[in-house]
PDB file of N, CA and C in Angstrom:
ATOM      1  N   MET A   1     212.683 -34.041 181.645  1.00  0.00           N
ATOM      2  CA  MET A   1     212.808 -34.187 183.156  1.00  0.00           C
ATOM      3  C   MET A   1     213.846 -33.292 183.560  1.00  0.00           C
ATOM      4  N   SER A   2     214.819 -32.813 184.395  1.00  0.00           N
ATOM      5  CA  SER A   2     214.887 -32.226 185.407  1.00  0.00           C
ATOM      6  C   SER A   2     216.729 -33.303 185.894  1.00  0.00           C
ATOM      7  N   ARG A   3     218.248 -32.674 185.897  1.00  0.00           N
ATOM      8  CA  ARG A   3     218.771 -33.738 185.996  1.00  0.00           C
ATOM      9  C   ARG A   3     218.001 -33.544 188.766  1.00  0.00           C
ATOM     10  N   ARG A   4     216.996 -32.265 188.918  1.00  0.00           N
ATOM     11  CA  ARG A   4     216.982 -32.558 189.944  1.00  0.00           C
ATOM     12  C   ARG A   4     215.868 -34.183 190.337  1.00  0.00           C
ATOM     13  N   ALA A   5     214.593 -33.689 189.584  1.00  0.00           N
ATOM     14  CA  ALA A   5     213.670 -35.644 189.462  1.00  0.00           C
ATOM     15  C   ALA A   5     214.520 -36.790 189.633  1.00  0.00           C
ATOM     16  N   TYR A   6     215.486 -36.356 188.216  1.00  0.00           N
ATOM     17  CA  TYR A   6     216.609 -37.762 188.041  1.00  0.00           C
ATOM     18  C   TYR A   6     217.540 -38.841 189.794  1.00  0.00           C
ATOM     19  N   LEU A   7     217.545 -36.948 190.215  1.00  0.00           N
ATOM     20  CA  LEU A   7     218.265 -37.502 191.121  1.00  0.00           C
ATOM     21  C   LEU A   7     217.248 -37.774 192.339  1.00  0.00           C
ATOM     22  N   TYR A   8     216.100 -37.502 191.969  1.00  0.00           N
ATOM     23  CA  TYR A   8     215.351 -37.698 193.011  1.00  0.00           C
ATOM     24  C   TYR A   8     214.946 -39.081 193.026  1.00  0.00           C
ATOM     25  N   PHE A   9     215.057 -39.780 191.917  1.00  0.00           N
ATOM     26  CA  PHE A   9     213.960 -40.901 191.456  1.00  0.00           C
ATOM     27  C   PHE A   9     215.211 -41.753 192.213  1.00  0.00           C
ATOM     28  N   LEU A  10     216.798 -41.144 191.786  1.00  0.00           N
ATOM     29  CA  LEU A  10     218.082 -42.308 191.924  1.00  0.00           C
ATOM     30  C   LEU A  10     217.377 -42.632 193.288  1.00  0.00           C
ATOM     31  N   ILE A  11     217.898 -41.874 193.837  1.00  0.00           N
ATOM     32  CA  ILE A  11     217.610 -42.211 195.791  1.00  0.00           C
ATOM     33  C   ILE A  11     216.332 -42.968 195.905  1.00  0.00           C
ATOM     34  N   THR A  12     215.527 -42.369 195.632  1.00  0.00           N
ATOM     35  CA  THR A  12     214.032 -43.077 196.347  1.00  0.00           C
ATOM     36  C   THR A  12     214.383 -44.901 195.267  1.00  0.00           C
ATOM     37  N   PHE A  13     214.566 -44.804 194.474  1.00  0.00           N
ATOM     38  CA  PHE A  13     214.719 -46.074 194.480  1.00  0.00           C
ATOM     39  C   PHE A  13     216.131 -47.094 195.147  1.00  0.00           C
ATOM     40  N   LEU A  14     217.303 -46.386 195.387  1.00  0.00           N
ATOM     41  CA  LEU A  14     218.141 -46.801 195.959  1.00  0.00           C
ATOM     42  C   LEU A  14     217.646 -47.285 197.313  1.00  0.00           C
ATOM     43  N   LEU A  15     217.308 -46.283 197.818  1.00  0.00           N
ATOM     44  CA  LEU A  15     216.181 -46.216 199.501  1.00  0.00           C
ATOM     45  C   LEU A  15     215.567 -47.890 198.809  1.00  0.00           C
ATOM     46  N   GLY A  16     214.928 -47.799 198.010  1.00  0.00           N
ATOM     47  CA  GLY A  16     214.143 -48.651 197.883  1.00  0.00           C
ATOM     48  C   GLY A  16     214.867 -50.475 198.429  1.00  0.00           C
ATOM     49  N   ILE A  17     215.576 -50.419 197.790  1.00  0.00           N
ATOM     50  CA  ILE A  17     216.628 -51.632 197.249  1.00  0.00           C
ATOM     51  C   ILE A  17     217.128 -51.574 199.783  1.00  0.00           C
ATOM     52  N   VAL A  18     217.819 -50.308 199.171  1.00  0.00           N
ATOM     53  CA  VAL A  18     218.355 -50.350 201.370  1.00  0.00           C
ATOM     54  C   VAL A  18     217.253 -51.301 202.406  1.00  0.00           C
ATOM     55  N   VAL A  19     215.851 -51.095 202.400  1.00  0.00           N
ATOM     56  CA  VAL A  19     214.936 -50.701 202.921  1.00  0.00           C
ATOM     57  C   VAL A  19     214.176 -52.366 203.379  1.00  0.00           C
ATOM     58  N   GLY A  20     214.314 -52.602 201.583  1.00  0.00           N
ATOM     59  CA  GLY A  20     213.883 -53.826 201.276  1.00  0.00           C
ATOM     60  C   GLY A  20     214.683 -55.022 201.626  1.00  0.00           C
ATOM     61  N   GLY A  21     216.237 -54.393 201.376  1.00  0.00           N
ATOM     62  CA  GLY A  21     217.182 -55.950 201.800  1.00  0.00           C
ATOM     63  C   GLY A  21     217.042 -56.562 203.655  1.00  0.00           C
ATOM     64  N   VAL A  22     217.131 -54.947 203.931  1.00  0.00           N
ATOM     65  CA  VAL A  22     216.739 -54.999 205.602  1.00  0.00           C
ATOM     66  C   VAL A  22     215.480 -55.498 205.703  1.00  0.00           C
ATOM     67  N   GLY A  23     215.186 -55.461 205.361  1.00  0.00           N
ATOM     68  CA  GLY A  23     213.613 -56.425 205.879  1.00  0.00           C
ATOM     69  C   GLY A  23     213.977 -57.299 205.399  1.00  0.00           C
ATOM     70  N   ALA A  24     214.009 -58.206 203.873  1.00  0.00           N
ATOM     71  CA  ALA A  24     214.120 -59.256 204.340  1.00  0.00           C
ATOM     72  C   ALA A  24     215.376 -60.132 205.001  1.00  0.00           C
ATOM     73  N   TYR A  25     216.197 -59.515 205.099  1.00  0.00           N
ATOM     74  CA  TYR A  25     217.553 -59.858 206.609  1.00  0.00           C
ATOM     75  C   TYR A  25     216.833 -59.886 207.551  1.00  0.00           C
ATOM     76  N   SER A  26     216.466 -58.839 208.343  1.00  0.00           N
ATOM     77  CA  SER A  26     214.973 -59.270 209.734  1.00  0.00           C
ATOM     78  C   SER A  26     214.202 -60.462 209.405  1.00  0.00           C
ATOM     79  N   TYR A  27     213.527 -60.276 208.632  1.00  0.00           N
ATOM     80  CA  TYR A  27     212.596 -61.679 207.828  1.00  0.00           C
ATOM     81  C   TYR A  27     213.510 -62.658 208.338  1.00  0.00           C
ATOM     82  N   GLY A  28     214.617 -63.131 206.918  1.00  0.00           N
ATOM     83  CA  GLY A  28     215.031 -64.422 207.656  1.00  0.00           C
ATOM     84  C   GLY A  28     215.661 -64.544 208.750  1.00  0.00           C
ATOM     85  N   TRP A  29     216.248 -63.640 209.450  1.00  0.00           N
ATOM     86  CA  TRP A  29     217.177 -63.727 210.892  1.00  0.00           C
ATOM     87  C   TRP A  29     215.607 -64.078 212.101  1.00  0.00           C
ATOM     88  N   TYR A  30     214.461 -63.420 211.771  1.00  0.00           N
ATOM     89  CA  TYR A  30     213.570 -63.682 212.910  1.00  0.00           C
ATOM     90  C   TYR A  30     213.278 -64.956 212.604  1.00  0.00           C
ATOM     91  N   THR A  31     212.689 -66.184 211.614  1.00  0.00           N
ATOM     92  CA  THR A  31     211.822 -66.196 212.313  1.00  0.00           C
ATOM     93  C   THR A  31     213.223 -67.684 212.233  1.00  0.00           C
ATOM     94  N   GLY A  32     214.594 -67.642 212.036  1.00  0.00           N
ATOM     95  CA  GLY A  32     215.265 -68.809 212.003  1.00  0.00           C
ATOM     96  C   GLY A  32     215.904 -69.447 210.592  1.00  0.00           C
ATOM     97  N   GLN A  33     214.588 -69.061 209.762  1.00  0.00           N
ATOM     98  CA  GLN A  33     215.129 -69.935 208.554  1.00  0.00           C
ATOM     99  C   GLN A  33     216.577 -69.639 207.658  1.00  0.00           C
ATOM    100  N   TRP A  34     216.856 -68.850 207.842  1.00  0.00           N
ATOM    101  CA  TRP A  34     218.358 -68.659 207.666  1.00  0.00           C
ATOM    102  C   TRP A  34     219.925 -69.606 208.918  1.00  0.00           C
ATOM    103  N   ARG A  35     219.543 -69.484 209.581  1.00  0.00           N
ATOM    104  CA  ARG A  35     219.550 -69.802 210.897  1.00  0.00           C
ATOM    105  C   ARG A  35     219.165 -70.896 211.281  1.00  0.00           C
ATOM    106  N   ARG A  36     218.303 -72.001 211.157  1.00  0.00           N
ATOM    107  CA  ARG A  36     217.881 -72.604 210.860  1.00  0.00           C
ATOM    108  C   ARG A  36     218.669 -74.472 209.952  1.00  0.00           C
ATOM    109  N   LYS A  37     218.970 -73.907 208.745  1.00  0.00           N
ATOM    110  CA  LYS A  37     219.308 -74.606 207.994  1.00  0.00           C
ATOM    111  C   LYS A  37     220.135 -75.492 207.967  1.00  0.00           C
ATOM    112  N   SER A  38     221.515 -74.319 208.309  1.00  0.00           N
ATOM    113  CA  SER A  38     222.845 -74.759 208.208  1.00  0.00           C
ATOM    114  C   SER A  38     223.039 -74.836 208.902  1.00  0.00           C
ATOM    115  N   SER A  39     223.493 -74.469 210.370  1.00  0.00           N
ATOM    116  CA  SER A  39     223.739 -74.515 211.821  1.00  0.00           C
ATOM    117  C   SER A  39     224.760 -75.657 211.428  1.00  0.00           C
ATOM    118  N   ARG A  40     224.203 -76.684 211.498  1.00  0.00           N
ATOM    119  CA  ARG A  40     224.667 -78.646 211.315  1.00  0.00           C
ATOM    120  C   ARG A  40     226.210 -77.765 210.702  1.00  0.00           C
ATOM    121  N   HIS A  41     226.411 -77.913 209.666  1.00  0.00           N
ATOM    122  CA  HIS A  41     227.047 -77.894 208.456  1.00  0.00           C
ATOM    123  C   HIS A  41     228.501 -76.835 209.014  1.00  0.00           C
ATOM    124  N   ASN A  42     227.493 -75.869 209.657  1.00  0.00           N
ATOM    125  CA  ASN A  42     227.745 -74.614 209.544  1.00  0.00           C
ATOM    126  C   ASN A  42     229.383 -74.702 211.419  1.00  0.00           C
ATOM    127  N   ILE A  43     228.659 -75.622 212.105  1.00  0.00           N
ATOM    128  CA  ILE A  43     230.119 -76.275 213.037  1.00  0.00           C
ATOM    129  C   ILE A  43     230.942 -76.950 212.366  1.00  0.00           C
ATOM    130  N   VAL A  44     230.046 -78.123 211.233  1.00  0.00           N
ATOM    131  CA  VAL A  44     231.106 -78.956 210.772  1.00  0.00           C
ATOM    132  C   VAL A  44     232.423 -78.851 209.682  1.00  0.00           C
ATOM    133  N   ASP A  45     231.448 -77.729 208.787  1.00  0.00           N
ATOM    134  CA  ASP A  45     232.438 -76.336 208.648  1.00  0.00           C
ATOM    135  C   ASP A  45     233.841 -75.498 208.786  1.00  0.00           C
ATOM    136  N   TYR A  46     233.188 -75.040 210.679  1.00  0.00           N
ATOM    137  CA  TYR A  46     234.265 -74.831 210.803  1.00  0.00           C
ATOM    138  C   TYR A  46     234.715 -74.852 211.754  1.00  0.00           C
ATOM    139  N   LEU A  47     235.006 -76.296 211.724  1.00  0.00           N
ATOM    140  CA  LEU A  47     235.978 -77.372 212.748  1.00  0.00           C
ATOM    141  C   LEU A  47     236.572 -78.325 212.010  1.00  0.00           C
ATOM    142  N   GLN A  48     235.934 -78.541 210.495  1.00  0.00           N
ATOM    143  CA  GLN A  48     236.850 -78.621 209.303  1.00  0.00           C
ATOM    144  C   GLN A  48     237.844 -77.774 209.378  1.00  0.00           C
ATOM    145  N   ARG A  49     237.935 -76.557 208.888  1.00  0.00           N
ATOM    146  CA  ARG A  49     239.072 -75.941 208.259  1.00  0.00           C
ATOM    147  C   ARG A  49     239.903 -75.589 209.686  1.00  0.00           C
ATOM    148  N   LYS A  50     239.704 -74.756 210.660  1.00  0.00           N
ATOM    149  CA  LYS A  50     239.834 -75.182 211.808  1.00  0.00           C
ATOM    150  C   LYS A  50     241.078 -76.158 212.543  1.00  0.00           C
ATOM    151  N   LEU A  51     240.235 -77.451 212.439  1.00  0.00           N
ATOM    152  CA  LEU A  51     241.143 -78.622 212.756  1.00  0.00           C
ATOM    153  C   LEU A  51     242.322 -79.526 211.703  1.00  0.00           C
ATOM    154  N   GLU A  52     241.528 -78.641 210.868  1.00  0.00           N
ATOM    155  CA  GLU A  52     241.944 -79.804 209.340  1.00  0.00           C
ATOM    156  C   GLU A  52     241.805 -81.074 209.701  1.00  0.00           C
ATOM    157  N   LEU A  53     240.179 -81.255 209.494  1.00  0.00           N
ATOM    158  CA  LEU A  53     239.867 -82.753 209.355  1.00  0.00           C
ATOM    159  C   LEU A  53     240.673 -83.612 208.534  1.00  0.00           C
ATOM    160  N   SER A  54     240.558 -84.935 208.454  1.00  0.00           N
ATOM    161  CA  SER A  54     240.406 -85.076 207.185  1.00  0.00           C
ATOM    162  C   SER A  54     238.787 -85.763 206.686  1.00  0.00           C
ATOM    163  N   ALA A  55     238.918 -86.291 205.859  1.00  0.00           N
ATOM    164  CA  ALA A  55     237.543 -86.688 205.129  1.00  0.00           C
ATOM    165  C   ALA A  55     236.752 -87.344 206.193  1.00  0.00           C
ATOM    166  N   SER A  56     237.357 -88.739 206.292  1.00  0.00           N
ATOM    167  CA  SER A  56     237.110 -89.479 207.109  1.00  0.00           C
ATOM    168  C   SER A  56     236.885 -88.825 208.713  1.00  0.00           C
ATOM    169  N   GLN A  57     237.831 -87.905 209.272  1.00  0.00           N
ATOM    170  CA  GLN A  57     237.030 -87.402 210.660  1.00  0.00           C
ATOM    171  C   GLN A  57     236.015 -86.556 210.419  1.00  0.00           C
ATOM    172  N   THR A  58     235.991 -85.707 209.133  1.00  0.00           N
ATOM    173  CA  THR A  58     235.143 -84.997 208.979  1.00  0.00           C
ATOM    174  C   THR A  58     233.117 -85.824 208.673  1.00  0.00           C
ATOM    175  N   GLN A  59     233.684 -87.208 207.627  1.00  0.00           N
ATOM    176  CA  GLN A  59     231.973 -87.698 207.816  1.00  0.00           C
ATOM    177  C   GLN A  59     231.772 -87.775 209.483  1.00  0.00           C
ATOM    178  N   GLN A  60     232.950 -88.467 210.810  1.00  0.00           N
ATOM    179  CA  GLN A  60     232.423 -88.885 211.945  1.00  0.00           C
ATOM    180  C   GLN A  60     231.546 -87.666 212.196  1.00  0.00           C
ATOM    181  N   LEU A  61     232.303 -86.657 212.204  1.00  0.00           N
ATOM    182  CA  LEU A  61     232.269 -85.613 213.077  1.00  0.00           C
ATOM    183  C   LEU A  61     230.688 -85.214 212.466  1.00  0.00           C
ATOM    184  N   ARG A  62     230.091 -84.913 211.808  1.00  0.00           N
ATOM    185  CA  ARG A  62     229.197 -84.984 211.090  1.00  0.00           C
ATOM    186  C   ARG A  62     228.313 -85.820 211.752  1.00  0.00           C
ATOM    187  N   GLN A  63     228.205 -87.149 211.981  1.00  0.00           N
ATOM    188  CA  GLN A  63     227.421 -88.060 212.234  1.00  0.00           C
ATOM    189  C   GLN A  63     226.930 -88.225 213.738  1.00  0.00           C
ATOM    190  N   ILE A  64     228.479 -87.526 214.664  1.00  0.00           N
ATOM    191  CA  ILE A  64     228.371 -87.007 215.698  1.00  0.00           C
ATOM    192  C   ILE A  64     227.246 -86.328 216.031  1.00  0.00           C
ATOM    193  N   VAL A  65     227.345 -84.789 215.553  1.00  0.00           N
ATOM    194  CA  VAL A  65     226.809 -83.808 215.924  1.00  0.00           C
ATOM    195  C   VAL A  65     224.873 -84.396 215.163  1.00  0.00           C
ATOM    196  N   SER A  66     225.539 -85.063 214.429  1.00  0.00           N
ATOM    197  CA  SER A  66     223.464 -84.993 213.483  1.00  0.00           C
ATOM    198  C   SER A  66     222.976 -86.261 214.941  1.00  0.00           C
ATOM    199  N   GLU A  67     224.279 -86.921 215.380  1.00  0.00           N
ATOM    200  CA  GLU A  67     222.834 -87.790 216.826  1.00  0.00           C
ATOM    201  C   GLU A  67     222.668 -86.234 218.007  1.00  0.00           C
ATOM    202  N   MET A  68     223.672 -85.994 217.750  1.00  0.00           N
ATOM    203  CA  MET A  68     224.057 -85.198 219.274  1.00  0.00           C
ATOM    204  C   MET A  68     222.311 -84.320 218.522  1.00  0.00           C
ATOM    205  N   GLN A  69     221.996 -83.381 217.761  1.00  0.00           N
ATOM    206  CA  GLN A  69     220.777 -82.947 217.394  1.00  0.00           C
ATOM    207  C   GLN A  69     219.136 -84.222 217.681  1.00  0.00           C
ATOM    208  N   THR A  70     220.124 -84.796 217.251  1.00  0.00           N
ATOM    209  CA  THR A  70     218.926 -85.526 216.959  1.00  0.00           C
ATOM    210  C   THR A  70     218.189 -86.423 219.005  1.00  0.00           C
ATOM    211  N   LYS A  71     218.875 -86.244 219.467  1.00  0.00           N
ATOM    212  CA  LYS A  71     219.111 -86.035 221.289  1.00  0.00           C
ATOM    213  C   LYS A  71     218.497 -84.912 221.981  1.00  0.00           C
ATOM    214  N   MET A  72     218.705 -83.965 221.203  1.00  0.00           N
ATOM    215  CA  MET A  72     218.286 -82.490 222.142  1.00  0.00           C
ATOM    216  C   MET A  72     217.233 -82.242 221.676  1.00  0.00           C
ATOM    217  N   ARG A  73     216.773 -82.781 220.839  1.00  0.00           N
ATOM    218  CA  ARG A  73     215.292 -82.604 219.748  1.00  0.00           C
ATOM    219  C   ARG A  73     214.309 -83.562 221.162  1.00  0.00           C
ATOM    220  N   GLU A  74     214.386 -84.773 220.884  1.00  0.00           N
ATOM    221  CA  GLU A  74     214.281 -85.445 222.578  1.00  0.00           C
ATOM    222  C   GLU A  74     213.175 -84.875 223.351  1.00  0.00           C
ATOM    223  N   VAL A  75     214.520 -83.837 223.946  1.00  0.00           N
ATOM    224  CA  VAL A  75     215.232 -83.542 224.977  1.00  0.00           C
ATOM    225  C   VAL A  75     213.868 -82.230 224.875  1.00  0.00           C
ATOM    226  N   GLN A  76     214.153 -81.251 223.919  1.00  0.00           N
ATOM    227  CA  GLN A  76     212.930 -80.605 223.666  1.00  0.00           C
ATOM    228  C   GLN A  76     211.082 -81.358 223.757  1.00  0.00           C
ATOM    229  N   LYS A  77     211.657 -82.608 223.241  1.00  0.00           N
ATOM    230  CA  LYS A  77     210.164 -82.325 223.339  1.00  0.00           C
ATOM    231  C   LYS A  77     209.713 -82.726 224.714  1.00  0.00           C
ATOM    232  N   GLN A  78     210.218 -83.435 225.684  1.00  0.00           N
ATOM    233  CA  GLN A  78     210.088 -83.478 226.642  1.00  0.00           C
ATOM    234  C   GLN A  78     209.645 -82.424 227.549  1.00  0.00           C
ATOM    235  N   VAL A  79     210.666 -80.914 227.347  1.00  0.00           N
ATOM    236  CA  VAL A  79     209.973 -80.028 228.340  1.00  0.00           C
ATOM    237  C   VAL A  79     209.755 -79.193 227.638  1.00  0.00           C
ATOM    238  N   GLU A  80     208.158 -79.709 226.385  1.00  0.00           N
ATOM    239  CA  GLU A  80     207.629 -79.055 226.256  1.00  0.00           C
ATOM    240  C   GLU A  80     206.635 -79.253 226.255  1.00  0.00           C
ATOM    241  N   PRO A  81     206.236 -79.703 227.487  1.00  0.00           N
ATOM    242  CA  PRO A  81     204.606 -79.077 227.737  1.00  0.00           C
ATOM    243  C   PRO A  81     205.083 -78.583 228.594  1.00  0.00           C
ATOM    244  N   GLN A  82     205.726 -78.817 230.121  1.00  0.00           N
ATOM    245  CA  GLN A  82     206.004 -77.178 230.492  1.00  0.00           C
ATOM    246  C   GLN A  82     206.660 -76.208 230.108  1.00  0.00           C
ATOM    247  N   PHE A  83     206.804 -75.902 229.187  1.00  0.00           N
ATOM    248  CA  PHE A  83     206.179 -74.806 228.505  1.00  0.00           C
ATOM    249  C   PHE A  83     205.396 -74.092 227.975  1.00  0.00           C
ATOM    250  N   GLN A  84     204.133 -74.865 227.655  1.00  0.00           N
ATOM    251  CA  GLN A  84     203.395 -75.093 227.306  1.00  0.00           C
ATOM    252  C   GLN A  84     202.299 -74.288 228.465  1.00  0.00           C
ATOM    253  N   ALA A  85     202.743 -75.026 229.278  1.00  0.00           N
ATOM    254  CA  ALA A  85     201.664 -74.846 231.213  1.00  0.00           C
ATOM    255  C   ALA A  85     202.654 -73.348 231.292  1.00  0.00           C
ATOM    256  N   VAL A  86     203.810 -73.666 231.094  1.00  0.00           N
ATOM    257  CA  VAL A  86     203.953 -71.060 231.775  1.00  0.00           C
ATOM    258  C   VAL A  86     203.382 -70.615 230.943  1.00  0.00           C
ATOM    259  N   ARG A  87     202.828 -70.817 229.166  1.00  0.00           N
ATOM    260  CA  ARG A  87     202.114 -69.829 228.845  1.00  0.00           C
ATOM    261  C   ARG A  87     201.134 -70.231 228.869  1.00  0.00           C
ATOM    262  N   GLU A  88     200.699 -70.848 229.110  1.00  0.00           N
ATOM    263  CA  GLU A  88     198.730 -71.798 230.031  1.00  0.00           C
ATOM    264  C   GLU A  88     198.415 -70.525 230.953  1.00  0.00           C
ATOM    265  N   GLU A  89     199.972 -70.216 231.773  1.00  0.00           N
ATOM    266  CA  GLU A  89     199.342 -69.980 233.227  1.00  0.00           C
ATOM    267  C   GLU A  89     199.648 -67.739 232.913  1.00  0.00           C
ATOM    268  N   ALA A  90     200.609 -67.825 232.153  1.00  0.00           N
ATOM    269  CA  ALA A  90     200.766 -66.498 231.289  1.00  0.00           C
ATOM    270  C   ALA A  90     199.671 -65.662 230.639  1.00  0.00           C
ATOM    271  N   ARG A  91     198.344 -66.405 230.659  1.00  0.00           N
ATOM    272  CA  ARG A  91     197.875 -66.311 229.159  1.00  0.00           C
ATOM    273  C   ARG A  91     196.401 -65.981 230.311  1.00  0.00           C
ATOM    274  N   ASP A  92     196.150 -66.834 231.187  1.00  0.00           N
ATOM    275  CA  ASP A  92     195.296 -67.128 232.370  1.00  0.00           C
ATOM    276  C   ASP A  92     195.539 -65.559 232.847  1.00  0.00           C
ATOM    277  N   ARG A  93     196.553 -65.421 233.327  1.00  0.00           N
ATOM    278  CA  ARG A  93     196.446 -63.886 234.087  1.00  0.00           C
ATOM    279  C   ARG A  93     196.712 -63.128 233.581  1.00  0.00           C
ATOM    280  N   THR A  94     197.034 -63.325 231.984  1.00  0.00           N
ATOM    281  CA  THR A  94     196.756 -61.655 231.597  1.00  0.00           C
ATOM    282  C   THR A  94     194.813 -61.950 231.226  1.00  0.00           C
ATOM    283  N   LYS A  95     194.265 -62.297 230.721  1.00  0.00           N
ATOM    284  CA  LYS A  95     193.129 -62.633 230.261  1.00  0.00           C
ATOM    285  C   LYS A  95     192.675 -62.335 231.612  1.00  0.00           C
ATOM    286  N   ALA A  96     192.644 -62.279 232.793  1.00  0.00           N
ATOM    287  CA  ALA A  96     191.654 -61.365 234.668  1.00  0.00           C
ATOM    288  C   ALA A  96     191.875 -60.168 234.518  1.00  0.00           C
ATOM    289  N   ILE A  97     192.864 -59.856 234.110  1.00  0.00           N
ATOM    290  CA  ILE A  97     193.590 -58.483 233.634  1.00  0.00           C
ATOM    291  C   ILE A  97     192.804 -57.393 232.725  1.00  0.00           C
ATOM    292  N   LEU A  98     192.571 -57.458 231.704  1.00  0.00           N
ATOM    293  CA  LEU A  98     191.724 -57.450 230.356  1.00  0.00           C
ATOM    294  C   LEU A  98     190.297 -57.173 230.304  1.00  0.00           C
ATOM    295  N   ASN A  99     189.421 -56.344 229.806  1.00  0.00           N
ATOM    296  CA  ASN A  99     187.930 -56.351 229.886  1.00  0.00           C
ATOM    297  C   ASN A  99     187.780 -57.039 228.609  1.00  0.00           C
ATOM    298  N   PRO A 100     186.406 -57.572 228.279  1.00  0.00           N
ATOM    299  CA  PRO A 100     185.675 -58.915 227.967  1.00  0.00           C
ATOM    300  C   PRO A 100     185.941 -58.042 226.255  1.00  0.00           C
ATOM    301  N   GLN A 101     186.088 -56.593 225.607  1.00  0.00           N
ATOM    302  CA  GLN A 101     186.468 -57.201 224.146  1.00  0.00           C
ATOM    303  C   GLN A 101     188.072 -57.295 224.159  1.00  0.00           C
ATOM    304  N   GLN A 102     189.100 -56.351 225.378  1.00  0.00           N
ATOM    305  CA  GLN A 102     190.136 -57.319 225.555  1.00  0.00           C
ATOM    306  C   GLN A 102     190.188 -59.209 225.245  1.00  0.00           C
ATOM    307  N   THR A 103     189.870 -59.802 225.745  1.00  0.00           N
ATOM    308  CA  THR A 103     190.172 -61.077 226.515  1.00  0.00           C
ATOM    309  C   THR A 103     189.675 -61.652 224.356  1.00  0.00           C
ATOM    310  N   GLU A 104     188.762 -61.214 224.350  1.00  0.00           N
ATOM    311  CA  GLU A 104     188.390 -61.424 222.723  1.00  0.00           C
ATOM    312  C   GLU A 104     188.799 -61.036 222.127  1.00  0.00           C
ATOM    313  N   LYS A 105     189.787 -60.205 221.710  1.00  0.00           N
ATOM    314  CA  LYS A 105     191.299 -59.466 220.258  1.00  0.00           C
ATOM    315  C   LYS A 105     192.610 -59.891 221.165  1.00  0.00           C
ATOM    316  N   PHE A 106     192.590 -60.418 222.525  1.00  0.00           N
ATOM    317  CA  PHE A 106     194.089 -61.123 223.219  1.00  0.00           C
ATOM    318  C   PHE A 106     193.863 -62.384 222.727  1.00  0.00           C
ATOM    319  N   ASN A 107     192.053 -62.782 222.672  1.00  0.00           N
ATOM    320  CA  ASN A 107     192.288 -64.935 222.591  1.00  0.00           C
ATOM    321  C   ASN A 107     193.006 -64.932 220.443  1.00  0.00           C
ATOM    322  N   GLU A 108     191.795 -63.960 220.098  1.00  0.00           N
ATOM    323  CA  GLU A 108     191.987 -64.326 218.418  1.00  0.00           C
ATOM    324  C   GLU A 108     193.569 -63.881 218.618  1.00  0.00           C
ATOM    325  N   MET A 109     194.913 -63.715 218.953  1.00  0.00           N
ATOM    326  CA  MET A 109     195.972 -63.068 218.815  1.00  0.00           C
ATOM    327  C   MET A 109     196.665 -64.681 219.747  1.00  0.00           C
ATOM    328  N   VAL A 110     196.121 -65.160 220.418  1.00  0.00           N
ATOM    329  CA  VAL A 110     197.159 -65.567 220.767  1.00  0.00           C
ATOM    330  C   VAL A 110     196.623 -67.470 220.141  1.00  0.00           C
ATOM    331  N   LYS A 111     195.235 -67.218 219.644  1.00  0.00           N
ATOM    332  CA  LYS A 111     195.314 -68.176 218.280  1.00  0.00           C
ATOM    333  C   LYS A 111     196.364 -67.665 217.235  1.00  0.00           C
ATOM    334  N   HIS A 112     196.172 -66.652 216.932  1.00  0.00           N
ATOM    335  CA  HIS A 112     197.260 -66.632 215.505  1.00  0.00           C
ATOM    336  C   HIS A 112     199.133 -66.875 216.126  1.00  0.00           C
ATOM    337  N   TRP A 113     199.229 -66.501 217.385  1.00  0.00           N
ATOM    338  CA  TRP A 113     200.349 -67.157 217.544  1.00  0.00           C
ATOM    339  C   TRP A 113     200.968 -68.520 217.940  1.00  0.00           C
ATOM    340  N   ASP A 114     199.806 -69.120 218.333  1.00  0.00           N
ATOM    341  CA  ASP A 114     199.511 -71.286 218.027  1.00  0.00           C
ATOM    342  C   ASP A 114     199.763 -71.281 217.096  1.00  0.00           C
ATOM    343  N   GLU A 115     199.045 -70.911 215.898  1.00  0.00           N
ATOM    344  CA  GLU A 115     199.561 -71.353 214.745  1.00  0.00           C
ATOM    345  C   GLU A 115     200.383 -71.353 213.640  1.00  0.00           C
ATOM    346  N   TRP A 116     201.151 -69.947 213.889  1.00  0.00           N
ATOM    347  CA  TRP A 116     202.632 -69.447 213.474  1.00  0.00           C
ATOM    348  C   TRP A 116     203.710 -70.433 214.387  1.00  0.00           C
ATOM    349  N   ARG A 117     203.341 -70.682 215.357  1.00  0.00           N
ATOM    350  CA  ARG A 117     204.326 -71.675 216.355  1.00  0.00           C
ATOM    351  C   ARG A 117     204.370 -73.471 215.444  1.00  0.00           C
ATOM    352  N   LYS A 118     203.411 -73.643 214.987  1.00  0.00           N
ATOM    353  CA  LYS A 118     202.443 -74.593 215.018  1.00  0.00           C
ATOM    354  C   LYS A 118     203.639 -74.901 213.261  1.00  0.00           C
ATOM    355  N   LYS A 119     203.242 -73.749 212.180  1.00  0.00           N
ATOM    356  CA  LYS A 119     204.161 -74.123 211.201  1.00  0.00           C
ATOM    357  C   LYS A 119     205.822 -73.840 211.476  1.00  0.00           C
ATOM    358  N   HIS A 120     205.947 -73.080 212.836  1.00  0.00           N
ATOM    359  CA  HIS A 120     207.228 -72.504 212.746  1.00  0.00           C
ATOM    360  C   HIS A 120     208.309 -72.893 213.985  1.00  0.00           C
ATOM    361  N   PRO A 121     208.405 -74.217 213.977  1.00  0.00           N
ATOM    362  CA  PRO A 121     208.874 -75.023 215.445  1.00  0.00           C
ATOM    363  C   PRO A 121     210.451 -74.628 215.717  1.00  0.00           C
ATOM    364  N   PRO A 122     210.170 -74.267 216.726  1.00  0.00           N
ATOM    365  CA  PRO A 122     211.697 -74.386 217.085  1.00  0.00           C
ATOM    366  C   PRO A 122     213.344 -74.976 216.367  1.00  0.00           C
ATOM    367  N   PRO A 123     214.046 -73.739 215.978  1.00  0.00           N
ATOM    368  CA  PRO A 123     215.155 -74.470 215.635  1.00  0.00           C
ATOM    369  C   PRO A 123     215.927 -75.435 216.518  1.00  0.00           C
ATOM    370  N   PRO A 124     216.423 -76.859 215.781  1.00  0.00           N
ATOM    371  CA  PRO A 124     216.812 -77.971 216.493  1.00  0.00           C
ATOM    372  C   PRO A 124     218.468 -76.897 216.589  1.00  0.00           C
ATOM    373  N   PRO A 125     218.856 -78.077 218.367  1.00  0.00           N
ATOM    374  CA  PRO A 125     219.572 -77.364 218.789  1.00  0.00           C
ATOM    375  C   PRO A 125     221.096 -77.372 217.855  1.00  0.00           C
ATOM    376  N   HIS A 126     221.353 -76.321 218.987  1.00  0.00           N
ATOM    377  CA  HIS A 126     223.146 -76.752 217.295  1.00  0.00           C
ATOM    378  C   HIS A 126     223.971 -76.939 218.469  1.00  0.00           C
TER     379      HIS A 126
END
């Protein structure tokens, strides 16, 4: 192979790595997989470093943050029916402007969105 062919191969390979990395990062960020797992630990670690907390203070802070997140999840559960009502209203209004074929496609999309929402609940509050 000529040098030019090796160069094209190398460029293609490197572009594949870059595009794959950006895609993986975007997916992780969009789905919340990275944000969701460590939000509580990030704030505790940040405050521990910045405020120079003792081990006892850090443990107490972890408990405070954990309790706060539990309470905020309860609030989310209480307001979820209101969010669902708004979604249903928007869906009904959207269906009103669609023709029968579009409505059928829209219903499939809604079904997919609802399934995705069940599998990917909102991240816990920070």
